[in-house]
C-alpha atoms as a PDB file:
ATOM      1  CA  UNK A   1      13.207 -24.828 -18.838  1.00  0.00           C
ATOM      2  CA  UNK A   2      10.607 -26.746 -16.858  1.00  0.00           C
ATOM      3  CA  UNK A   3      12.279 -25.744 -13.603  1.00  0.00           C
ATOM      4  CA  UNK A   4      12.222 -22.063 -14.617  1.00  0.00           C
ATOM      5  CA  UNK A   5       8.523 -22.159 -15.436  1.00  0.00           C
ATOM      6  CA  UNK A   6       7.765 -24.088 -12.235  1.00  0.00           C
ATOM      7  CA  UNK A   7       9.750 -21.533 -10.191  1.00  0.00           C
ATOM      8  CA  UNK A   8       7.879 -18.615 -11.738  1.00  0.00           C
ATOM      9  CA  UNK A   9       4.533 -20.319 -11.077  1.00  0.00           C
ATOM     10  CA  UNK A  10       5.455 -20.941  -7.437  1.00  0.00           C
ATOM     11  CA  UNK A  11       6.476 -17.284  -6.974  1.00  0.00           C
ATOM     12  CA  UNK A  12       3.214 -16.073  -8.526  1.00  0.00           C
ATOM     13  CA  UNK A  13       1.243 -18.424  -6.269  1.00  0.00           C
ATOM     14  CA  UNK A  14       3.111 -17.148  -3.202  1.00  0.00           C
ATOM     15  CA  UNK A  15       2.412 -13.517  -4.078  1.00  0.00           C
ATOM     16  CA  UNK A  16      -1.236 -14.361  -4.747  1.00  0.00           C
ATOM     17  CA  UNK A  17      -1.505 -16.131  -1.376  1.00  0.00           C
ATOM     18  CA  UNK A  18      -0.087 -13.136   0.504  1.00  0.00           C
ATOM     19  CA  UNK A  19      -2.214 -10.447  -1.137  1.00  0.00           C
ATOM     20  CA  UNK A  20      -5.526  -9.296   0.379  1.00  0.00           C
ATOM     21  CA  UNK A  21      -7.494 -10.181  -2.774  1.00  0.00           C
ATOM     22  CA  UNK A  22      -5.884 -13.646  -2.841  1.00  0.00           C
ATOM     23  CA  UNK A  23      -5.799 -15.880   0.203  1.00  0.00           C
ATOM     24  CA  UNK A  24      -4.984 -13.012   2.569  1.00  0.00           C
ATOM     25  CA  UNK A  25      -2.017 -14.647   4.283  1.00  0.00           C
ATOM     26  CA  UNK A  26      -0.079 -11.400   4.685  1.00  0.00           C
ATOM     27  CA  UNK A  27      -0.515 -11.250   8.481  1.00  0.00           C
ATOM     28  CA  UNK A  28       0.698 -14.836   8.781  1.00  0.00           C
ATOM     29  CA  UNK A  29       3.699 -14.016   6.579  1.00  0.00           C
ATOM     30  CA  UNK A  30       4.573 -11.064   8.824  1.00  0.00           C
ATOM     31  CA  UNK A  31       4.312 -13.195  11.958  1.00  0.00           C
ATOM     32  CA  UNK A  32       6.624 -15.779  10.390  1.00  0.00           C
ATOM     33  CA  UNK A  33       9.155 -13.124   9.360  1.00  0.00           C
ATOM     34  CA  UNK A  34       9.134 -11.556  12.811  1.00  0.00           C
ATOM     35  CA  UNK A  35       9.892 -14.933  14.376  1.00  0.00           C
ATOM     36  CA  UNK A  36      12.428 -16.086  11.792  1.00  0.00           C
ATOM     37  CA  UNK A  37      14.439 -12.871  11.504  1.00  0.00           C
ATOM     38  CA  UNK A  38      16.357 -13.205  14.804  1.00  0.00           C
ATOM     39  CA  UNK A  39      17.200 -16.837  14.037  1.00  0.00           C
ATOM     40  CA  UNK A  40      18.420 -15.935  10.546  1.00  0.00           C
ATOM     41  CA  UNK A  41      20.479 -13.081  12.011  1.00  0.00           C
ATOM     42  CA  UNK A  42      22.189 -15.474  14.432  1.00  0.00           C
ATOM     43  CA  UNK A  43      23.065 -17.875  11.610  1.00  0.00           C
ATOM     44  CA  UNK A  44      24.449 -15.030   9.495  1.00  0.00           C
ATOM     45  CA  UNK A  45      26.524 -13.881  12.474  1.00  0.00           C
ATOM     46  CA  UNK A  46      27.923 -17.381  13.018  1.00  0.00           C
ATOM     47  CA  UNK A  47      28.856 -17.668   9.350  1.00  0.00           C
ATOM     48  CA  UNK A  48      30.542 -14.240   9.454  1.00  0.00           C
ATOM     49  CA  UNK A  49      32.607 -15.295  12.487  1.00  0.00           C
ATOM     50  CA  UNK A  50      33.742 -18.489  10.743  1.00  0.00           C
ATOM     51  CA  UNK A  51      34.678 -16.519   7.616  1.00  0.00           C
ATOM     52  CA  UNK A  52      36.619 -14.029   9.739  1.00  0.00           C
ATOM     53  CA  UNK A  53      38.531 -16.789  11.511  1.00  0.00           C
ATOM     54  CA  UNK A  54      39.360 -18.469   8.187  1.00  0.00           C
ATOM     55  CA  UNK A  55      40.557 -15.140   6.776  1.00  0.00           C
ATOM     56  CA  UNK A  56      42.860 -14.562   9.757  1.00  0.00           C
ATOM     57  CA  UNK A  57      44.282 -18.077   9.371  1.00  0.00           C
ATOM     58  CA  UNK A  58      44.818 -17.556   5.630  1.00  0.00           C
ATOM     59  CA  UNK A  59      46.660 -14.285   6.208  1.00  0.00           C
ATOM     60  CA  UNK A  60      48.877 -15.885   8.850  1.00  0.00           C
ATOM     61  CA  UNK A  61      49.670 -18.774   6.493  1.00  0.00           C
ATOM     62  CA  UNK A  62      50.461 -16.355   3.650  1.00  0.00           C
ATOM     63  CA  UNK A  63      52.886 -14.451   5.897  1.00  0.00           C
ATOM     64  CA  UNK A  64      54.609 -17.714   6.862  1.00  0.00           C
ATOM     65  CA  UNK A  65      54.968 -18.734   3.205  1.00  0.00           C
ATOM     66  CA  UNK A  66      56.241 -15.279   2.272  1.00  0.00           C
ATOM     67  CA  UNK A  67      58.806 -15.365   5.075  1.00  0.00           C
ATOM     68  CA  UNK A  68      59.901 -18.872   4.040  1.00  0.00           C
ATOM     69  CA  UNK A  69      60.229 -17.744   0.416  1.00  0.00           C
ATOM     70  CA  UNK A  70      62.465 -14.794   1.362  1.00  0.00           C
ATOM     71  CA  UNK A  71      64.843 -16.993   3.364  1.00  0.00           C
ATOM     72  CA  UNK A  72      65.632 -19.162   0.339  1.00  0.00           C
END
């Protein structure tokens, strides 16, 4: 329960910091997002490639097991 309340307080503080009537950090937030977005996109792409490779390997293994099961 304490973690939930703490999380909500942190989110409210972040929104307050970004708003013009708060600390006015919105321009800084946008600059950060513009810089971080390409890096995040690369990481998501790498993860997608690894998942795709694992899926291909799993399908190949399933076909081998299926073929071995039919021979018995």
